[in-house]
Amino acid sequence: MDLQLTTTDTVFLIIIASLMSLFFLLLIGLVIMAIRLMQSVRRVAARAEEVVNSVEEVAETFVEAQGKLTVFKLIRNIMKVANRRRK
């Protein structure tokens, strides 16, 4: 079985090989862009997690401060009532 390519077959083979090489180059570029995008998303997610943790810490601090302020307000009110009764 002798396989000989005609001129038309050779041209088609070159065109298909060129298109396949362009397709693979494009695919490689898209994969690289997808990897970079995923890395960016990871960085943004990590930063968002840090922000959420900071907000939680601030909220806890406010809750703790509010509890302490309530004790001081209670003591101040008791002192005011005691001072009014003395007068």
PDB file of N, CA and C in Angstrom:
ATOM      1  N   MET A   1       0.842  -1.175   0.000  1.00  0.00           N
ATOM      2  CA  MET A   1       0.000   0.000   0.000  1.00  0.00           C
ATOM      3  C   MET A   1       0.892   1.244   0.000  1.00  0.00           C
ATOM      4  N   ASP A   2       0.847   1.954  -1.064  1.00  0.00           N
ATOM      5  CA  ASP A   2       1.691   3.123  -1.236  1.00  0.00           C
ATOM      6  C   ASP A   2       0.851   4.375  -0.988  1.00  0.00           C
ATOM      7  N   LEU A   3       1.242   5.145   0.053  1.00  0.00           N
ATOM      8  CA  LEU A   3       0.513   6.366   0.371  1.00  0.00           C
ATOM      9  C   LEU A   3       1.263   7.556  -0.208  1.00  0.00           C
ATOM     10  N   GLN A   4       0.683   8.144  -1.199  1.00  0.00           N
ATOM     11  CA  GLN A   4       1.280   9.353  -1.762  1.00  0.00           C
ATOM     12  C   GLN A   4       0.255  10.455  -1.657  1.00  0.00           C
ATOM     13  N   LEU A   5       0.737  11.601  -1.182  1.00  0.00           N
ATOM     14  CA  LEU A   5      -0.149  12.749  -1.027  1.00  0.00           C
ATOM     15  C   LEU A   5      -0.135  13.594  -2.291  1.00  0.00           C
ATOM     16  N   THR A   6      -1.306  13.973  -2.693  1.00  0.00           N
ATOM     17  CA  THR A   6      -1.399  14.887  -3.826  1.00  0.00           C
ATOM     18  C   THR A   6      -1.145  16.289  -3.319  1.00  0.00           C
ATOM     19  N   THR A   7      -1.057  17.207  -4.211  1.00  0.00           N
ATOM     20  CA  THR A   7      -0.835  18.603  -3.830  1.00  0.00           C
ATOM     21  C   THR A   7      -1.984  19.111  -2.969  1.00  0.00           C
ATOM     22  N   THR A   8      -3.198  18.744  -3.305  1.00  0.00           N
ATOM     23  CA  THR A   8      -4.372  19.156  -2.537  1.00  0.00           C
ATOM     24  C   THR A   8      -4.311  18.572  -1.129  1.00  0.00           C
ATOM     25  N   ASP A   9      -3.948  17.309  -1.023  1.00  0.00           N
ATOM     26  CA  ASP A   9      -3.843  16.678   0.292  1.00  0.00           C
ATOM     27  C   ASP A   9      -2.772  17.364   1.142  1.00  0.00           C
ATOM     28  N   THR A  10      -1.665  17.697   0.533  1.00  0.00           N
ATOM     29  CA  THR A  10      -0.582  18.366   1.254  1.00  0.00           C
ATOM     30  C   THR A  10      -1.025  19.733   1.755  1.00  0.00           C
ATOM     31  N   VAL A  11      -1.734  20.481   0.909  1.00  0.00           N
ATOM     32  CA  VAL A  11      -2.225  21.810   1.305  1.00  0.00           C
ATOM     33  C   VAL A  11      -3.210  21.677   2.470  1.00  0.00           C
ATOM     34  N   PHE A  12      -4.136  20.726   2.364  1.00  0.00           N
ATOM     35  CA  PHE A  12      -5.102  20.507   3.454  1.00  0.00           C
ATOM     36  C   PHE A  12      -4.387  20.100   4.739  1.00  0.00           C
ATOM     37  N   LEU A  13      -3.384  19.262   4.637  1.00  0.00           N
ATOM     38  CA  LEU A  13      -2.629  18.830   5.804  1.00  0.00           C
ATOM     39  C   LEU A  13      -1.924  20.005   6.462  1.00  0.00           C
ATOM     40  N   ILE A  14      -1.340  20.879   5.661  1.00  0.00           N
ATOM     41  CA  ILE A  14      -0.661  22.070   6.195  1.00  0.00           C
ATOM     42  C   ILE A  14      -1.667  23.005   6.859  1.00  0.00           C
ATOM     43  N   ILE A  15      -2.817  23.204   6.223  1.00  0.00           N
ATOM     44  CA  ILE A  15      -3.849  24.088   6.793  1.00  0.00           C
ATOM     45  C   ILE A  15      -4.350  23.521   8.119  1.00  0.00           C
ATOM     46  N   ILE A  16      -4.650  22.242   8.164  1.00  0.00           N
ATOM     47  CA  ILE A  16      -5.160  21.618   9.391  1.00  0.00           C
ATOM     48  C   ILE A  16      -4.106  21.658  10.493  1.00  0.00           C
ATOM     49  N   ALA A  17      -2.843  21.390  10.154  1.00  0.00           N
ATOM     50  CA  ALA A  17      -1.766  21.443  11.151  1.00  0.00           C
ATOM     51  C   ALA A  17      -1.602  22.859  11.688  1.00  0.00           C
ATOM     52  N   SER A  18      -1.717  23.856  10.804  1.00  0.00           N
ATOM     53  CA  SER A  18      -1.603  25.253  11.235  1.00  0.00           C
ATOM     54  C   SER A  18      -2.756  25.629  12.154  1.00  0.00           C
ATOM     55  N   LEU A  19      -3.969  25.239  11.780  1.00  0.00           N
ATOM     56  CA  LEU A  19      -5.136  25.542  12.616  1.00  0.00           C
ATOM     57  C   LEU A  19      -5.040  24.854  13.980  1.00  0.00           C
ATOM     58  N   MET A  20      -4.564  23.613  13.982  1.00  0.00           N
ATOM     59  CA  MET A  20      -4.407  22.903  15.255  1.00  0.00           C
ATOM     60  C   MET A  20      -3.361  23.573  16.135  1.00  0.00           C
ATOM     61  N   SER A  21      -2.273  24.030  15.541  1.00  0.00           N
ATOM     62  CA  SER A  21      -1.236  24.697  16.334  1.00  0.00           C
ATOM     63  C   SER A  21      -1.763  26.023  16.891  1.00  0.00           C
ATOM     64  N   LEU A  22      -2.525  26.773  16.086  1.00  0.00           N
ATOM     65  CA  LEU A  22      -3.139  28.005  16.583  1.00  0.00           C
ATOM     66  C   LEU A  22      -4.138  27.708  17.699  1.00  0.00           C
ATOM     67  N   PHE A  23      -4.928  26.667  17.532  1.00  0.00           N
ATOM     68  CA  PHE A  23      -5.888  26.275  18.545  1.00  0.00           C
ATOM     69  C   PHE A  23      -5.188  25.936  19.857  1.00  0.00           C
ATOM     70  N   PHE A  24      -4.106  25.154  19.785  1.00  0.00           N
ATOM     71  CA  PHE A  24      -3.393  24.786  21.002  1.00  0.00           C
ATOM     72  C   PHE A  24      -2.714  25.984  21.651  1.00  0.00           C
ATOM     73  N   LEU A  25      -2.180  26.898  20.855  1.00  0.00           N
ATOM     74  CA  LEU A  25      -1.598  28.122  21.423  1.00  0.00           C
ATOM     75  C   LEU A  25      -2.663  28.954  22.123  1.00  0.00           C
ATOM     76  N   LEU A  26      -3.821  29.068  21.487  1.00  0.00           N
ATOM     77  CA  LEU A  26      -4.926  29.800  22.097  1.00  0.00           C
ATOM     78  C   LEU A  26      -5.375  29.125  23.386  1.00  0.00           C
ATOM     79  N   LEU A  27      -5.448  27.807  23.365  1.00  0.00           N
ATOM     80  CA  LEU A  27      -5.848  27.048  24.550  1.00  0.00           C
ATOM     81  C   LEU A  27      -4.846  27.234  25.687  1.00  0.00           C
ATOM     82  N   ILE A  28      -3.566  27.212  25.375  1.00  0.00           N
ATOM     83  CA  ILE A  28      -2.533  27.433  26.386  1.00  0.00           C
ATOM     84  C   ILE A  28      -2.667  28.833  26.980  1.00  0.00           C
ATOM     85  N   GLY A  29      -2.897  29.825  26.126  1.00  0.00           N
ATOM     86  CA  GLY A  29      -3.107  31.194  26.614  1.00  0.00           C
ATOM     87  C   GLY A  29      -4.310  31.294  27.527  1.00  0.00           C
ATOM     88  N   LEU A  30      -5.399  30.633  27.157  1.00  0.00           N
ATOM     89  CA  LEU A  30      -6.599  30.665  27.994  1.00  0.00           C
ATOM     90  C   LEU A  30      -6.371  29.975  29.335  1.00  0.00           C
ATOM     91  N   VAL A  31      -5.636  28.886  29.315  1.00  0.00           N
ATOM     92  CA  VAL A  31      -5.333  28.184  30.572  1.00  0.00           C
ATOM     93  C   VAL A  31      -4.489  29.071  31.482  1.00  0.00           C
ATOM     94  N   ILE A  32      -3.503  29.743  30.912  1.00  0.00           N
ATOM     95  CA  ILE A  32      -2.664  30.655  31.703  1.00  0.00           C
ATOM     96  C   ILE A  32      -3.504  31.784  32.287  1.00  0.00           C
ATOM     97  N   MET A  33      -4.403  32.347  31.488  1.00  0.00           N
ATOM     98  CA  MET A  33      -5.274  33.412  31.991  1.00  0.00           C
ATOM     99  C   MET A  33      -6.200  32.892  33.084  1.00  0.00           C
ATOM    100  N   ALA A  34      -6.712  31.678  32.946  1.00  0.00           N
ATOM    101  CA  ALA A  34      -7.581  31.099  33.964  1.00  0.00           C
ATOM    102  C   ALA A  34      -6.820  30.879  35.261  1.00  0.00           C
ATOM    103  N   ILE A  35      -5.577  30.441  35.165  1.00  0.00           N
ATOM    104  CA  ILE A  35      -4.765  30.249  36.371  1.00  0.00           C
ATOM    105  C   ILE A  35      -4.514  31.576  37.068  1.00  0.00           C
ATOM    106  N   ARG A  36      -4.194  32.608  36.303  1.00  0.00           N
ATOM    107  CA  ARG A  36      -3.982  33.942  36.892  1.00  0.00           C
ATOM    108  C   ARG A  36      -5.263  34.464  37.529  1.00  0.00           C
ATOM    109  N   LEU A  37      -6.394  34.236  36.867  1.00  0.00           N
ATOM    110  CA  LEU A  37      -7.673  34.671  37.426  1.00  0.00           C
ATOM    111  C   LEU A  37      -7.962  33.960  38.741  1.00  0.00           C
ATOM    112  N   MET A  38      -7.699  32.660  38.793  1.00  0.00           N
ATOM    113  CA  MET A  38      -7.932  31.913  40.032  1.00  0.00           C
ATOM    114  C   MET A  38      -7.022  32.406  41.150  1.00  0.00           C
ATOM    115  N   GLN A  39      -5.785  32.753  40.827  1.00  0.00           N
ATOM    116  CA  GLN A  39      -4.879  33.288  41.834  1.00  0.00           C
ATOM    117  C   GLN A  39      -5.390  34.627  42.350  1.00  0.00           C
ATOM    118  N   SER A  40      -5.893  35.451  41.450  1.00  0.00           N
ATOM    119  CA  SER A  40      -6.451  36.743  41.867  1.00  0.00           C
ATOM    120  C   SER A  40      -7.675  36.552  42.755  1.00  0.00           C
ATOM    121  N   VAL A  41      -8.520  35.611  42.380  1.00  0.00           N
ATOM    122  CA  VAL A  41      -9.717  35.333  43.185  1.00  0.00           C
ATOM    123  C   VAL A  41      -9.315  34.838  44.569  1.00  0.00           C
ATOM    124  N   ARG A  42      -8.294  34.000  44.632  1.00  0.00           N
ATOM    125  CA  ARG A  42      -7.812  33.523  45.936  1.00  0.00           C
ATOM    126  C   ARG A  42      -7.308  34.681  46.784  1.00  0.00           C
ATOM    127  N   ARG A  43      -6.564  35.605  46.171  1.00  0.00           N
ATOM    128  CA  ARG A  43      -6.061  36.763  46.924  1.00  0.00           C
ATOM    129  C   ARG A  43      -7.214  37.617  47.432  1.00  0.00           C
ATOM    130  N   VAL A  44      -8.206  37.840  46.574  1.00  0.00           N
ATOM    131  CA  VAL A  44      -9.362  38.645  46.979  1.00  0.00           C
ATOM    132  C   VAL A  44     -10.132  37.943  48.096  1.00  0.00           C
ATOM    133  N   ALA A  45     -10.293  36.634  47.983  1.00  0.00           N
ATOM    134  CA  ALA A  45     -11.000  35.881  49.011  1.00  0.00           C
ATOM    135  C   ALA A  45     -10.240  35.926  50.336  1.00  0.00           C
ATOM    136  N   ALA A  46      -8.923  35.811  50.281  1.00  0.00           N
ATOM    137  CA  ALA A  46      -8.119  35.885  51.499  1.00  0.00           C
ATOM    138  C   ALA A  46      -8.241  37.266  52.137  1.00  0.00           C
ATOM    139  N   ARG A  47      -8.203  38.289  51.317  1.00  0.00           N
ATOM    140  CA  ARG A  47      -8.341  39.661  51.834  1.00  0.00           C
ATOM    141  C   ARG A  47      -9.734  39.874  52.426  1.00  0.00           C
ATOM    142  N   ALA A  48     -10.745  39.349  51.760  1.00  0.00           N
ATOM    143  CA  ALA A  48     -12.109  39.476  52.275  1.00  0.00           C
ATOM    144  C   ALA A  48     -12.242  38.755  53.620  1.00  0.00           C
ATOM    145  N   GLU A  49     -11.592  37.619  53.736  1.00  0.00           N
ATOM    146  CA  GLU A  49     -11.634  36.882  55.003  1.00  0.00           C
ATOM    147  C   GLU A  49     -10.961  37.687  56.115  1.00  0.00           C
ATOM    148  N   GLU A  50      -9.850  38.342  55.783  1.00  0.00           N
ATOM    149  CA  GLU A  50      -9.181  39.196  56.764  1.00  0.00           C
ATOM    150  C   GLU A  50     -10.092  40.343  57.201  1.00  0.00           C
ATOM    151  N   VAL A  51     -10.788  40.938  56.236  1.00  0.00           N
ATOM    152  CA  VAL A  51     -11.697  42.045  56.555  1.00  0.00           C
ATOM    153  C   VAL A  51     -12.833  41.559  57.447  1.00  0.00           C
ATOM    154  N   VAL A  52     -13.387  40.395  57.123  1.00  0.00           N
ATOM    155  CA  VAL A  52     -14.473  39.846  57.935  1.00  0.00           C
ATOM    156  C   VAL A  52     -13.984  39.585  59.349  1.00  0.00           C
ATOM    157  N   ASN A  53     -12.783  39.026  59.478  1.00  0.00           N
ATOM    158  CA  ASN A  53     -12.234  38.780  60.806  1.00  0.00           C
ATOM    159  C   ASN A  53     -12.043  40.083  61.571  1.00  0.00           C
ATOM    160  N   SER A  54     -11.582  41.121  60.887  1.00  0.00           N
ATOM    161  CA  SER A  54     -11.399  42.421  61.531  1.00  0.00           C
ATOM    162  C   SER A  54     -12.732  42.986  61.993  1.00  0.00           C
ATOM    163  N   VAL A  55     -13.746  42.868  61.145  1.00  0.00           N
ATOM    164  CA  VAL A  55     -15.071  43.374  61.505  1.00  0.00           C
ATOM    165  C   VAL A  55     -15.614  42.605  62.705  1.00  0.00           C
ATOM    166  N   GLU A  56     -15.401  41.289  62.725  1.00  0.00           N
ATOM    167  CA  GLU A  56     -15.856  40.494  63.860  1.00  0.00           C
ATOM    168  C   GLU A  56     -15.153  40.927  65.139  1.00  0.00           C
ATOM    169  N   GLU A  57     -13.852  41.186  65.046  1.00  0.00           N
ATOM    170  CA  GLU A  57     -13.108  41.638  66.219  1.00  0.00           C
ATOM    171  C   GLU A  57     -13.622  42.986  66.715  1.00  0.00           C
ATOM    172  N   VAL A  58     -13.900  43.894  65.786  1.00  0.00           N
ATOM    173  CA  VAL A  58     -14.433  45.204  66.173  1.00  0.00           C
ATOM    174  C   VAL A  58     -15.800  45.046  66.835  1.00  0.00           C
ATOM    175  N   ALA A  59     -16.631  44.185  66.278  1.00  0.00           N
ATOM    176  CA  ALA A  59     -17.958  43.966  66.865  1.00  0.00           C
ATOM    177  C   ALA A  59     -17.834  43.377  68.266  1.00  0.00           C
ATOM    178  N   GLU A  60     -16.931  42.431  68.437  1.00  0.00           N
ATOM    179  CA  GLU A  60     -16.725  41.858  69.770  1.00  0.00           C
ATOM    180  C   GLU A  60     -16.229  42.916  70.743  1.00  0.00           C
ATOM    181  N   THR A  61     -15.343  43.783  70.267  1.00  0.00           N
ATOM    182  CA  THR A  61     -14.830  44.855  71.122  1.00  0.00           C
ATOM    183  C   THR A  61     -15.957  45.796  71.545  1.00  0.00           C
ATOM    184  N   PHE A  62     -16.847  46.136  70.600  1.00  0.00           N
ATOM    185  CA  PHE A  62     -17.975  46.992  70.946  1.00  0.00           C
ATOM    186  C   PHE A  62     -18.897  46.323  71.954  1.00  0.00           C
ATOM    187  N   VAL A  63     -19.133  45.042  71.773  1.00  0.00           N
ATOM    188  CA  VAL A  63     -19.999  44.323  72.712  1.00  0.00           C
ATOM    189  C   VAL A  63     -19.368  44.313  74.095  1.00  0.00           C
ATOM    190  N   GLU A  64     -18.060  44.039  74.151  1.00  0.00           N
ATOM    191  CA  GLU A  64     -17.372  44.045  75.444  1.00  0.00           C
ATOM    192  C   GLU A  64     -17.380  45.436  76.065  1.00  0.00           C
ATOM    193  N   ALA A  65     -17.118  46.449  75.247  1.00  0.00           N
ATOM    194  CA  ALA A  65     -17.107  47.823  75.745  1.00  0.00           C
ATOM    195  C   ALA A  65     -18.493  48.228  76.213  1.00  0.00           C
ATOM    196  N   GLN A  66     -19.514  47.815  75.493  1.00  0.00           N
ATOM    197  CA  GLN A  66     -20.871  48.151  75.892  1.00  0.00           C
ATOM    198  C   GLN A  66     -21.193  47.528  77.245  1.00  0.00           C
ATOM    199  N   GLY A  67     -20.754  46.291  77.462  1.00  0.00           N
ATOM    200  CA  GLY A  67     -20.974  45.643  78.752  1.00  0.00           C
ATOM    201  C   GLY A  67     -20.263  46.389  79.866  1.00  0.00           C
ATOM    202  N   LYS A  68     -19.029  46.821  79.629  1.00  0.00           N
ATOM    203  CA  LYS A  68     -18.283  47.575  80.638  1.00  0.00           C
ATOM    204  C   LYS A  68     -18.922  48.928  80.879  1.00  0.00           C
ATOM    205  N   LEU A  69     -19.359  49.591  79.802  1.00  0.00           N
ATOM    206  CA  LEU A  69     -20.006  50.893  79.963  1.00  0.00           C
ATOM    207  C   LEU A  69     -21.312  50.764  80.729  1.00  0.00           C
ATOM    208  N   THR A  70     -22.005  49.679  80.562  1.00  0.00           N
ATOM    209  CA  THR A  70     -23.256  49.472  81.285  1.00  0.00           C
ATOM    210  C   THR A  70     -22.988  49.405  82.782  1.00  0.00           C
ATOM    211  N   VAL A  71     -21.928  48.729  83.161  1.00  0.00           N
ATOM    212  CA  VAL A  71     -21.568  48.650  84.587  1.00  0.00           C
ATOM    213  C   VAL A  71     -21.244  50.042  85.114  1.00  0.00           C
ATOM    214  N   PHE A  72     -20.451  50.816  84.346  1.00  0.00           N
ATOM    215  CA  PHE A  72     -20.110  52.168  84.790  1.00  0.00           C
ATOM    216  C   PHE A  72     -21.344  53.059  84.854  1.00  0.00           C
ATOM    217  N   LYS A  73     -22.255  52.934  83.895  1.00  0.00           N
ATOM    218  CA  LYS A  73     -23.488  53.726  83.920  1.00  0.00           C
ATOM    219  C   LYS A  73     -24.330  53.364  85.130  1.00  0.00           C
ATOM    220  N   LEU A  74     -24.389  52.072  85.452  1.00  0.00           N
ATOM    221  CA  LEU A  74     -25.139  51.638  86.621  1.00  0.00           C
ATOM    222  C   LEU A  74     -24.539  52.237  87.883  1.00  0.00           C
ATOM    223  N   ILE A  75     -23.230  52.179  88.010  1.00  0.00           N
ATOM    224  CA  ILE A  75     -22.566  52.759  89.192  1.00  0.00           C
ATOM    225  C   ILE A  75     -22.797  54.258  89.239  1.00  0.00           C
ATOM    226  N   ARG A  76     -22.720  54.958  88.114  1.00  0.00           N
ATOM    227  CA  ARG A  76     -22.950  56.403  88.072  1.00  0.00           C
ATOM    228  C   ARG A  76     -24.380  56.740  88.479  1.00  0.00           C
ATOM    229  N   ASN A  77     -25.345  55.952  87.997  1.00  0.00           N
ATOM    230  CA  ASN A  77     -26.733  56.199  88.366  1.00  0.00           C
ATOM    231  C   ASN A  77     -26.953  55.964  89.851  1.00  0.00           C
ATOM    232  N   ILE A  78     -26.330  54.938  90.394  1.00  0.00           N
ATOM    233  CA  ILE A  78     -26.455  54.700  91.843  1.00  0.00           C
ATOM    234  C   ILE A  78     -25.868  55.863  92.616  1.00  0.00           C
ATOM    235  N   MET A  79     -24.732  56.372  92.150  1.00  0.00           N
ATOM    236  CA  MET A  79     -24.112  57.517  92.832  1.00  0.00           C
ATOM    237  C   MET A  79     -24.989  58.752  92.723  1.00  0.00           C
ATOM    238  N   LYS A  80     -25.623  58.975  91.573  1.00  0.00           N
ATOM    239  CA  LYS A  80     -26.524  60.125  91.407  1.00  0.00           C
ATOM    240  C   LYS A  80     -27.707  60.016  92.354  1.00  0.00           C
ATOM    241  N   VAL A  81     -28.301  58.825  92.437  1.00  0.00           N
ATOM    242  CA  VAL A  81     -29.453  58.631  93.325  1.00  0.00           C
ATOM    243  C   VAL A  81     -29.028  58.839  94.769  1.00  0.00           C
ATOM    244  N   ALA A  82     -27.863  58.335  95.116  1.00  0.00           N
ATOM    245  CA  ALA A  82     -27.378  58.502  96.490  1.00  0.00           C
ATOM    246  C   ALA A  82     -27.128  59.977  96.788  1.00  0.00           C
ATOM    247  N   ASN A  83     -26.568  60.719  95.843  1.00  0.00           N
ATOM    248  CA  ASN A  83     -26.298  62.155  96.055  1.00  0.00           C
ATOM    249  C   ASN A  83     -27.599  62.936  96.158  1.00  0.00           C
ATOM    250  N   ARG A  84     -28.615  62.567  95.386  1.00  0.00           N
ATOM    251  CA  ARG A  84     -29.913  63.268  95.461  1.00  0.00           C
ATOM    252  C   ARG A  84     -30.558  63.046  96.816  1.00  0.00           C
ATOM    253  N   ARG A  85     -30.443  61.842  97.335  1.00  0.00           N
ATOM    254  CA  ARG A  85     -31.062  61.540  98.631  1.00  0.00           C
ATOM    255  C   ARG A  85     -30.324  62.270  99.758  1.00  0.00           C
ATOM    256  N   ARG A  86     -29.054  62.526  99.621  1.00  0.00           N
ATOM    257  CA  ARG A  86     -28.302  63.244 100.644  1.00  0.00           C
ATOM    258  C   ARG A  86     -28.701  64.715 100.699  1.00  0.00           C
ATOM    259  N   LYS A  87     -29.091  65.246  99.593  1.00  0.00           N
ATOM    260  CA  LYS A  87     -29.394  66.678  99.527  1.00  0.00           C
ATOM    261  C   LYS A  87     -30.724  66.974 100.060  1.00  0.00           C
TER     262      LYS A  87
END
